[in-house]
């Protein structure tokens, strides 16, 4: 008996990705995590809708209309990504003073913005002019791509801040906000690495490229896309597990007793000196 699988590898990746996002939404809503992370929940919902529309509406409606819907969802996802970074930052540093926010937030935004300027090629200003509906779609695609990179840079910067100063603000790595940030960091670092490598590949292409070399570039793009989606699936599964488990509850009495016990050796050593 021969087993005949009608699904391709890309279709399997799409199915697993969409199913994982649906399960994550169910966990966020069922475990009442969406009330604490509303922007993160909304971002997962928009990504799931974009996947669904891309699969179900492809070939069933005009290309221009489909691209308008998909690019609108992509830009909306980028906006929600910015709000997710703000949401996670607020929960990661609950006791930070206003002065610290006024220094750290603009600095992070500025550094990410400078990195974005030098990140990749920028088209001439004339190509960004909106003089037709097709030019509008190109502008929407360009803004969505740059916004994704900017969100990734902000995520990496926020992760470094939490790594350096999280202990001072008692940002435990078992908290939901920290676990979400770990997944966001992995996704952002993977996406930035793939984007940087792909830009290097595109710069190395010369006008005299052969058909065989062109096919190798196309195959490489599919491999990078699949690798990014596999990482996204792994991150989503990690979020499902972490959002299902409750956060450890801190007990002030236990913490106070532990602090007193840690002070006992110092007090015992100081007693003979006083005598």
C-alpha atoms as a PDB file:
ATOM      1  CA  UNK A   1       0.000   0.000   0.000  1.00  0.00           C
ATOM      2  CA  UNK A   2       1.375   3.374  -1.016  1.00  0.00           C
ATOM      3  CA  UNK A   3       0.612   6.462   1.030  1.00  0.00           C
ATOM      4  CA  UNK A   4      -0.133   9.497  -1.078  1.00  0.00           C
ATOM      5  CA  UNK A   5       0.133  12.840   0.707  1.00  0.00           C
ATOM      6  CA  UNK A   6      -1.553  15.593  -1.259  1.00  0.00           C
ATOM      7  CA  UNK A   7      -0.094  18.376   0.909  1.00  0.00           C
ATOM      8  CA  UNK A   8       3.148  20.116   0.044  1.00  0.00           C
ATOM      9  CA  UNK A   9       5.709  21.190   2.623  1.00  0.00           C
ATOM     10  CA  UNK A  10       4.577  24.819   2.428  1.00  0.00           C
ATOM     11  CA  UNK A  11       0.958  23.811   2.931  1.00  0.00           C
ATOM     12  CA  UNK A  12       1.927  21.790   6.000  1.00  0.00           C
ATOM     13  CA  UNK A  13       3.825  24.785   7.402  1.00  0.00           C
ATOM     14  CA  UNK A  14       0.824  27.027   6.745  1.00  0.00           C
ATOM     15  CA  UNK A  15      -1.553  24.593   8.440  1.00  0.00           C
ATOM     16  CA  UNK A  16       0.627  24.132  11.516  1.00  0.00           C
ATOM     17  CA  UNK A  17       1.233  27.895  11.796  1.00  0.00           C
ATOM     18  CA  UNK A  18      -2.459  28.741  11.533  1.00  0.00           C
ATOM     19  CA  UNK A  19      -3.461  25.988  13.970  1.00  0.00           C
ATOM     20  CA  UNK A  20      -0.835  27.113  16.506  1.00  0.00           C
ATOM     21  CA  UNK A  21      -2.078  30.708  16.300  1.00  0.00           C
ATOM     22  CA  UNK A  22      -5.664  29.582  16.835  1.00  0.00           C
ATOM     23  CA  UNK A  23      -4.669  27.514  19.877  1.00  0.00           C
ATOM     24  CA  UNK A  24      -2.718  30.476  21.254  1.00  0.00           C
ATOM     25  CA  UNK A  25      -5.773  32.703  20.857  1.00  0.00           C
ATOM     26  CA  UNK A  26      -7.911  30.130  22.667  1.00  0.00           C
ATOM     27  CA  UNK A  27      -5.408  29.965  25.524  1.00  0.00           C
ATOM     28  CA  UNK A  28      -5.164  33.759  25.758  1.00  0.00           C
ATOM     29  CA  UNK A  29      -8.939  34.104  25.890  1.00  0.00           C
ATOM     30  CA  UNK A  30      -9.686  30.996  27.949  1.00  0.00           C
ATOM     31  CA  UNK A  31      -7.024  31.673  30.583  1.00  0.00           C
ATOM     32  CA  UNK A  32      -7.943  35.377  30.632  1.00  0.00           C
ATOM     33  CA  UNK A  33      -4.485  36.483  29.521  1.00  0.00           C
ATOM     34  CA  UNK A  34      -5.976  38.726  26.843  1.00  0.00           C
ATOM     35  CA  UNK A  35      -7.104  41.207  29.495  1.00  0.00           C
ATOM     36  CA  UNK A  36      -3.497  41.744  30.530  1.00  0.00           C
ATOM     37  CA  UNK A  37      -2.052  41.590  27.002  1.00  0.00           C
ATOM     38  CA  UNK A  38      -4.739  43.112  24.740  1.00  0.00           C
ATOM     39  CA  UNK A  39      -2.368  44.367  22.025  1.00  0.00           C
ATOM     40  CA  UNK A  40      -0.482  41.076  21.889  1.00  0.00           C
ATOM     41  CA  UNK A  41      -3.777  39.202  21.535  1.00  0.00           C
ATOM     42  CA  UNK A  42      -4.890  41.579  18.788  1.00  0.00           C
ATOM     43  CA  UNK A  43      -1.599  41.117  16.936  1.00  0.00           C
ATOM     44  CA  UNK A  44      -1.976  37.323  16.958  1.00  0.00           C
ATOM     45  CA  UNK A  45      -5.551  37.683  15.694  1.00  0.00           C
ATOM     46  CA  UNK A  46      -4.475  39.933  12.807  1.00  0.00           C
ATOM     47  CA  UNK A  47      -1.663  37.550  11.812  1.00  0.00           C
ATOM     48  CA  UNK A  48      -4.103  34.627  11.819  1.00  0.00           C
ATOM     49  CA  UNK A  49      -6.563  36.581   9.669  1.00  0.00           C
ATOM     50  CA  UNK A  50      -3.824  37.490   7.216  1.00  0.00           C
ATOM     51  CA  UNK A  51      -2.809  33.843   6.895  1.00  0.00           C
ATOM     52  CA  UNK A  52      -6.433  32.821   6.394  1.00  0.00           C
ATOM     53  CA  UNK A  53      -7.161  35.472   3.757  1.00  0.00           C
ATOM     54  CA  UNK A  54      -3.913  34.730   1.930  1.00  0.00           C
ATOM     55  CA  UNK A  55      -4.819  31.059   1.611  1.00  0.00           C
ATOM     56  CA  UNK A  56      -8.568  31.197   1.036  1.00  0.00           C
ATOM     57  CA  UNK A  57      -8.866  34.307  -1.148  1.00  0.00           C
ATOM     58  CA  UNK A  58      -5.883  33.675  -3.405  1.00  0.00           C
ATOM     59  CA  UNK A  59      -7.185  33.033  -6.928  1.00  0.00           C
ATOM     60  CA  UNK A  60     -10.781  33.740  -5.867  1.00  0.00           C
ATOM     61  CA  UNK A  61     -10.760  37.541  -6.116  1.00  0.00           C
ATOM     62  CA  UNK A  62      -8.963  40.212  -8.182  1.00  0.00           C
ATOM     63  CA  UNK A  63      -5.230  40.422  -7.479  1.00  0.00           C
ATOM     64  CA  UNK A  64      -5.339  44.144  -6.727  1.00  0.00           C
ATOM     65  CA  UNK A  65      -8.150  43.726  -4.202  1.00  0.00           C
ATOM     66  CA  UNK A  66      -6.417  40.782  -2.531  1.00  0.00           C
ATOM     67  CA  UNK A  67      -3.129  42.653  -2.283  1.00  0.00           C
ATOM     68  CA  UNK A  68      -4.932  45.670  -0.832  1.00  0.00           C
ATOM     69  CA  UNK A  69      -6.465  43.506   1.904  1.00  0.00           C
ATOM     70  CA  UNK A  70      -3.220  41.678   2.694  1.00  0.00           C
ATOM     71  CA  UNK A  71      -1.079  44.823   2.758  1.00  0.00           C
ATOM     72  CA  UNK A  72      -3.621  46.593   4.955  1.00  0.00           C
ATOM     73  CA  UNK A  73      -3.443  43.720   7.419  1.00  0.00           C
ATOM     74  CA  UNK A  74       0.359  43.766   7.205  1.00  0.00           C
ATOM     75  CA  UNK A  75       0.484  47.485   8.053  1.00  0.00           C
ATOM     76  CA  UNK A  76      -2.032  46.964  10.860  1.00  0.00           C
ATOM     77  CA  UNK A  77       0.111  44.119  12.200  1.00  0.00           C
ATOM     78  CA  UNK A  78       3.150  46.434  12.203  1.00  0.00           C
ATOM     79  CA  UNK A  79       1.253  49.084  14.166  1.00  0.00           C
ATOM     80  CA  UNK A  80       0.120  46.481  16.671  1.00  0.00           C
ATOM     81  CA  UNK A  81       3.725  45.285  16.895  1.00  0.00           C
ATOM     82  CA  UNK A  82       4.768  48.744  18.058  1.00  0.00           C
ATOM     83  CA  UNK A  83       1.993  48.739  20.653  1.00  0.00           C
ATOM     84  CA  UNK A  84       3.067  45.265  21.828  1.00  0.00           C
ATOM     85  CA  UNK A  85       6.588  46.576  22.477  1.00  0.00           C
ATOM     86  CA  UNK A  86       5.126  49.404  24.572  1.00  0.00           C
ATOM     87  CA  UNK A  87       2.849  46.940  26.371  1.00  0.00           C
ATOM     88  CA  UNK A  88       5.684  44.564  27.262  1.00  0.00           C
ATOM     89  CA  UNK A  89       7.976  47.436  28.279  1.00  0.00           C
ATOM     90  CA  UNK A  90       5.355  48.834  30.659  1.00  0.00           C
ATOM     91  CA  UNK A  91       4.893  45.430  32.304  1.00  0.00           C
ATOM     92  CA  UNK A  92       8.631  44.694  32.438  1.00  0.00           C
ATOM     93  CA  UNK A  93       9.496  47.846  34.400  1.00  0.00           C
ATOM     94  CA  UNK A  94       6.473  48.454  36.649  1.00  0.00           C
ATOM     95  CA  UNK A  95       8.404  50.398  39.293  1.00  0.00           C
ATOM     96  CA  UNK A  96      10.439  52.598  36.979  1.00  0.00           C
ATOM     97  CA  UNK A  97      10.355  56.319  37.653  1.00  0.00           C
ATOM     98  CA  UNK A  98       9.047  58.811  35.138  1.00  0.00           C
ATOM     99  CA  UNK A  99      12.539  60.256  34.706  1.00  0.00           C
ATOM    100  CA  UNK A 100      13.868  56.806  33.745  1.00  0.00           C
ATOM    101  CA  UNK A 101      11.118  56.411  31.156  1.00  0.00           C
ATOM    102  CA  UNK A 102      11.840  59.875  29.735  1.00  0.00           C
ATOM    103  CA  UNK A 103      15.471  58.906  29.233  1.00  0.00           C
ATOM    104  CA  UNK A 104      15.281  55.254  28.188  1.00  0.00           C
ATOM    105  CA  UNK A 105      12.268  55.386  25.846  1.00  0.00           C
ATOM    106  CA  UNK A 106      13.459  58.228  23.554  1.00  0.00           C
ATOM    107  CA  UNK A 107      16.969  56.755  23.537  1.00  0.00           C
ATOM    108  CA  UNK A 108      15.680  53.343  22.453  1.00  0.00           C
ATOM    109  CA  UNK A 109      13.447  54.889  19.780  1.00  0.00           C
ATOM    110  CA  UNK A 110      16.335  57.007  18.480  1.00  0.00           C
ATOM    111  CA  UNK A 111      18.841  54.146  18.340  1.00  0.00           C
ATOM    112  CA  UNK A 112      16.333  51.880  16.582  1.00  0.00           C
ATOM    113  CA  UNK A 113      15.536  54.668  14.129  1.00  0.00           C
ATOM    114  CA  UNK A 114      19.212  55.267  13.312  1.00  0.00           C
ATOM    115  CA  UNK A 115      19.713  51.541  12.841  1.00  0.00           C
ATOM    116  CA  UNK A 116      16.743  51.462  10.472  1.00  0.00           C
ATOM    117  CA  UNK A 117      18.196  54.311   8.391  1.00  0.00           C
ATOM    118  CA  UNK A 118      21.431  52.382   7.830  1.00  0.00           C
ATOM    119  CA  UNK A 119      19.768  48.971   7.667  1.00  0.00           C
ATOM    120  CA  UNK A 120      18.842  48.593   4.056  1.00  0.00           C
ATOM    121  CA  UNK A 121      18.455  50.397   0.741  1.00  0.00           C
ATOM    122  CA  UNK A 122      15.930  53.191   0.487  1.00  0.00           C
ATOM    123  CA  UNK A 123      14.268  53.811  -2.882  1.00  0.00           C
ATOM    124  CA  UNK A 124      14.402  57.237  -4.529  1.00  0.00           C
ATOM    125  CA  UNK A 125      11.790  59.723  -3.422  1.00  0.00           C
ATOM    126  CA  UNK A 126      10.166  59.651  -6.853  1.00  0.00           C
ATOM    127  CA  UNK A 127       9.350  55.947  -6.480  1.00  0.00           C
ATOM    128  CA  UNK A 128       7.418  56.650  -3.279  1.00  0.00           C
ATOM    129  CA  UNK A 129       5.084  59.145  -4.927  1.00  0.00           C
ATOM    130  CA  UNK A 130       1.449  58.027  -4.793  1.00  0.00           C
ATOM    131  CA  UNK A 131       0.285  58.761  -8.331  1.00  0.00           C
ATOM    132  CA  UNK A 132      -1.677  55.568  -8.964  1.00  0.00           C
ATOM    133  CA  UNK A 133      -3.327  52.723  -7.127  1.00  0.00           C
ATOM    134  CA  UNK A 134      -0.376  50.454  -7.911  1.00  0.00           C
ATOM    135  CA  UNK A 135       2.026  53.032  -6.470  1.00  0.00           C
ATOM    136  CA  UNK A 136      -0.115  53.134  -3.331  1.00  0.00           C
ATOM    137  CA  UNK A 137       0.252  49.368  -2.941  1.00  0.00           C
ATOM    138  CA  UNK A 138       4.026  49.644  -3.378  1.00  0.00           C
ATOM    139  CA  UNK A 139       4.128  52.343  -0.712  1.00  0.00           C
ATOM    140  CA  UNK A 140       2.044  50.246   1.669  1.00  0.00           C
ATOM    141  CA  UNK A 141       4.341  47.265   1.114  1.00  0.00           C
ATOM    142  CA  UNK A 142       7.448  49.394   1.645  1.00  0.00           C
ATOM    143  CA  UNK A 143       6.094  50.919   4.869  1.00  0.00           C
ATOM    144  CA  UNK A 144       5.053  47.509   6.176  1.00  0.00           C
ATOM    145  CA  UNK A 145       8.496  46.020   5.543  1.00  0.00           C
ATOM    146  CA  UNK A 146      10.328  48.925   7.160  1.00  0.00           C
ATOM    147  CA  UNK A 147       7.920  48.906  10.108  1.00  0.00           C
ATOM    148  CA  UNK A 148       8.564  45.187  10.660  1.00  0.00           C
ATOM    149  CA  UNK A 149      12.303  45.816  10.784  1.00  0.00           C
ATOM    150  CA  UNK A 150      11.806  48.776  13.132  1.00  0.00           C
ATOM    151  CA  UNK A 151       9.673  46.694  15.487  1.00  0.00           C
ATOM    152  CA  UNK A 152      12.334  43.991  15.418  1.00  0.00           C
ATOM    153  CA  UNK A 153      15.038  46.515  16.335  1.00  0.00           C
ATOM    154  CA  UNK A 154      12.910  47.892  19.173  1.00  0.00           C
ATOM    155  CA  UNK A 155      12.265  44.367  20.441  1.00  0.00           C
ATOM    156  CA  UNK A 156      15.964  43.523  20.495  1.00  0.00           C
ATOM    157  CA  UNK A 157      16.731  46.795  22.286  1.00  0.00           C
ATOM    158  CA  UNK A 158      14.001  46.205  24.869  1.00  0.00           C
ATOM    159  CA  UNK A 159      15.285  42.671  25.472  1.00  0.00           C
ATOM    160  CA  UNK A 160      18.767  44.031  26.168  1.00  0.00           C
ATOM    161  CA  UNK A 161      17.335  46.575  28.609  1.00  0.00           C
ATOM    162  CA  UNK A 162      15.434  43.868  30.477  1.00  0.00           C
ATOM    163  CA  UNK A 163      18.555  41.694  30.534  1.00  0.00           C
ATOM    164  CA  UNK A 164      20.662  44.519  31.989  1.00  0.00           C
ATOM    165  CA  UNK A 165      18.196  46.202  34.353  1.00  0.00           C
ATOM    166  CA  UNK A 166      15.406  43.658  34.837  1.00  0.00           C
ATOM    167  CA  UNK A 167      16.815  42.315  38.089  1.00  0.00           C
ATOM    168  CA  UNK A 168      16.810  45.789  39.606  1.00  0.00           C
ATOM    169  CA  UNK A 169      13.087  46.100  38.900  1.00  0.00           C
ATOM    170  CA  UNK A 170      12.364  42.478  39.940  1.00  0.00           C
ATOM    171  CA  UNK A 171      11.502  41.377  36.415  1.00  0.00           C
ATOM    172  CA  UNK A 172      11.407  37.619  36.883  1.00  0.00           C
ATOM    173  CA  UNK A 173      11.964  35.495  33.802  1.00  0.00           C
ATOM    174  CA  UNK A 174       9.031  33.263  34.778  1.00  0.00           C
ATOM    175  CA  UNK A 175       6.551  36.117  34.417  1.00  0.00           C
ATOM    176  CA  UNK A 176       4.279  36.084  31.403  1.00  0.00           C
ATOM    177  CA  UNK A 177       5.561  39.420  30.143  1.00  0.00           C
ATOM    178  CA  UNK A 178       9.151  38.143  30.221  1.00  0.00           C
ATOM    179  CA  UNK A 179       8.228  34.883  28.492  1.00  0.00           C
ATOM    180  CA  UNK A 180       6.427  36.800  25.764  1.00  0.00           C
ATOM    181  CA  UNK A 181       9.473  39.028  25.366  1.00  0.00           C
ATOM    182  CA  UNK A 182      11.752  36.002  24.975  1.00  0.00           C
ATOM    183  CA  UNK A 183       9.601  34.737  22.112  1.00  0.00           C
ATOM    184  CA  UNK A 184       9.443  38.180  20.536  1.00  0.00           C
ATOM    185  CA  UNK A 185      13.231  38.457  20.782  1.00  0.00           C
ATOM    186  CA  UNK A 186      13.767  35.081  19.086  1.00  0.00           C
ATOM    187  CA  UNK A 187      11.344  35.982  16.297  1.00  0.00           C
ATOM    188  CA  UNK A 188      12.835  39.453  15.839  1.00  0.00           C
ATOM    189  CA  UNK A 189      16.441  38.237  15.852  1.00  0.00           C
ATOM    190  CA  UNK A 190      15.607  35.527  13.317  1.00  0.00           C
ATOM    191  CA  UNK A 191      13.746  37.938  11.053  1.00  0.00           C
ATOM    192  CA  UNK A 192      16.521  40.568  11.231  1.00  0.00           C
ATOM    193  CA  UNK A 193      19.177  37.957  10.501  1.00  0.00           C
ATOM    194  CA  UNK A 194      17.264  36.601   7.505  1.00  0.00           C
ATOM    195  CA  UNK A 195      16.601  40.133   6.207  1.00  0.00           C
ATOM    196  CA  UNK A 196      20.269  41.098   6.495  1.00  0.00           C
ATOM    197  CA  UNK A 197      21.406  37.933   4.751  1.00  0.00           C
ATOM    198  CA  UNK A 198      18.825  38.344   1.997  1.00  0.00           C
ATOM    199  CA  UNK A 199      19.999  41.907   1.350  1.00  0.00           C
ATOM    200  CA  UNK A 200      23.538  40.576   1.016  1.00  0.00           C
ATOM    201  CA  UNK A 201      22.329  38.004  -1.501  1.00  0.00           C
ATOM    202  CA  UNK A 202      20.436  40.609  -3.526  1.00  0.00           C
ATOM    203  CA  UNK A 203      23.471  42.909  -3.632  1.00  0.00           C
ATOM    204  CA  UNK A 204      25.608  40.069  -4.967  1.00  0.00           C
ATOM    205  CA  UNK A 205      23.306  39.492  -7.951  1.00  0.00           C
ATOM    206  CA  UNK A 206      24.753  40.930 -11.163  1.00  0.00           C
ATOM    207  CA  UNK A 207      23.028  41.568 -14.517  1.00  0.00           C
ATOM    208  CA  UNK A 208      24.738  38.578 -16.141  1.00  0.00           C
ATOM    209  CA  UNK A 209      23.180  36.014 -13.791  1.00  0.00           C
ATOM    210  CA  UNK A 210      22.380  32.699 -15.439  1.00  0.00           C
ATOM    211  CA  UNK A 211      19.059  30.903 -15.289  1.00  0.00           C
ATOM    212  CA  UNK A 212      20.529  28.240 -13.016  1.00  0.00           C
ATOM    213  CA  UNK A 213      21.848  30.871 -10.597  1.00  0.00           C
ATOM    214  CA  UNK A 214      18.469  32.607 -10.623  1.00  0.00           C
ATOM    215  CA  UNK A 215      16.754  29.334  -9.712  1.00  0.00           C
ATOM    216  CA  UNK A 216      19.209  28.909  -6.845  1.00  0.00           C
ATOM    217  CA  UNK A 217      18.296  32.363  -5.534  1.00  0.00           C
ATOM    218  CA  UNK A 218      14.589  31.524  -5.729  1.00  0.00           C
ATOM    219  CA  UNK A 219      15.182  28.235  -3.892  1.00  0.00           C
ATOM    220  CA  UNK A 220      17.183  30.100  -1.242  1.00  0.00           C
ATOM    221  CA  UNK A 221      14.331  32.565  -0.692  1.00  0.00           C
ATOM    222  CA  UNK A 222      11.899  29.686  -0.175  1.00  0.00           C
ATOM    223  CA  UNK A 223      14.293  28.053   2.296  1.00  0.00           C
ATOM    224  CA  UNK A 224      14.679  31.266   4.296  1.00  0.00           C
ATOM    225  CA  UNK A 225      10.919  31.783   4.317  1.00  0.00           C
ATOM    226  CA  UNK A 226      10.358  28.242   5.562  1.00  0.00           C
ATOM    227  CA  UNK A 227      13.044  28.615   8.238  1.00  0.00           C
ATOM    228  CA  UNK A 228      11.445  31.826   9.497  1.00  0.00           C
ATOM    229  CA  UNK A 229       8.035  30.147   9.636  1.00  0.00           C
ATOM    230  CA  UNK A 230       9.445  27.131  11.517  1.00  0.00           C
ATOM    231  CA  UNK A 231      10.953  29.460  14.111  1.00  0.00           C
ATOM    232  CA  UNK A 232       7.589  31.212  14.362  1.00  0.00           C
ATOM    233  CA  UNK A 233       5.856  27.896  14.997  1.00  0.00           C
ATOM    234  CA  UNK A 234       8.334  27.008  17.748  1.00  0.00           C
ATOM    235  CA  UNK A 235       7.874  30.420  19.376  1.00  0.00           C
ATOM    236  CA  UNK A 236       4.079  30.124  19.206  1.00  0.00           C
ATOM    237  CA  UNK A 237       4.178  26.696  20.842  1.00  0.00           C
ATOM    238  CA  UNK A 238       6.343  28.137  23.609  1.00  0.00           C
ATOM    239  CA  UNK A 239       3.833  30.936  24.122  1.00  0.00           C
ATOM    240  CA  UNK A 240       0.988  28.429  24.332  1.00  0.00           C
ATOM    241  CA  UNK A 241       2.760  26.513  27.092  1.00  0.00           C
ATOM    242  CA  UNK A 242       3.811  29.626  29.010  1.00  0.00           C
ATOM    243  CA  UNK A 243       0.388  31.301  28.798  1.00  0.00           C
ATOM    244  CA  UNK A 244      -1.326  28.130  29.992  1.00  0.00           C
ATOM    245  CA  UNK A 245       0.761  27.957  33.170  1.00  0.00           C
ATOM    246  CA  UNK A 246       0.059  30.488  35.901  1.00  0.00           C
ATOM    247  CA  UNK A 247       2.764  32.858  37.042  1.00  0.00           C
ATOM    248  CA  UNK A 248       4.543  32.004  40.321  1.00  0.00           C
ATOM    249  CA  UNK A 249       2.896  33.917  43.150  1.00  0.00           C
ATOM    250  CA  UNK A 250       5.330  35.843  45.303  1.00  0.00           C
ATOM    251  CA  UNK A 251       4.737  35.596  49.052  1.00  0.00           C
ATOM    252  CA  UNK A 252       5.802  38.741  50.954  1.00  0.00           C
ATOM    253  CA  UNK A 253       6.057  36.803  54.242  1.00  0.00           C
ATOM    254  CA  UNK A 254       8.416  34.242  52.733  1.00  0.00           C
ATOM    255  CA  UNK A 255      10.500  36.950  51.083  1.00  0.00           C
ATOM    256  CA  UNK A 256      10.798  38.836  54.383  1.00  0.00           C
ATOM    257  CA  UNK A 257      11.806  35.680  56.251  1.00  0.00           C
ATOM    258  CA  UNK A 258      14.391  34.883  53.602  1.00  0.00           C
ATOM    259  CA  UNK A 259      15.811  38.374  53.878  1.00  0.00           C
ATOM    260  CA  UNK A 260      16.032  38.059  57.676  1.00  0.00           C
ATOM    261  CA  UNK A 261      17.773  34.679  57.376  1.00  0.00           C
ATOM    262  CA  UNK A 262      20.282  36.125  54.957  1.00  0.00           C
ATOM    263  CA  UNK A 263      21.059  38.877  57.476  1.00  0.00           C
ATOM    264  CA  UNK A 264      21.678  36.434  60.360  1.00  0.00           C
ATOM    265  CA  UNK A 265      25.312  35.552  59.494  1.00  0.00           C
ATOM    266  CA  UNK A 266      26.220  39.214  59.300  1.00  0.00           C
ATOM    267  CA  UNK A 267      24.601  39.877  62.668  1.00  0.00           C
ATOM    268  CA  UNK A 268      26.329  36.861  64.222  1.00  0.00           C
ATOM    269  CA  UNK A 269      29.711  38.020  62.975  1.00  0.00           C
ATOM    270  CA  UNK A 270      29.139  41.512  64.301  1.00  0.00           C
ATOM    271  CA  UNK A 271      28.143  40.324  67.832  1.00  0.00           C
ATOM    272  CA  UNK A 272      31.675  39.346  69.118  1.00  0.00           C
ATOM    273  CA  UNK A 273      33.059  42.599  67.824  1.00  0.00           C
ATOM    274  CA  UNK A 274      30.574  44.570  69.887  1.00  0.00           C
ATOM    275  CA  UNK A 275      31.535  42.650  73.035  1.00  0.00           C
END
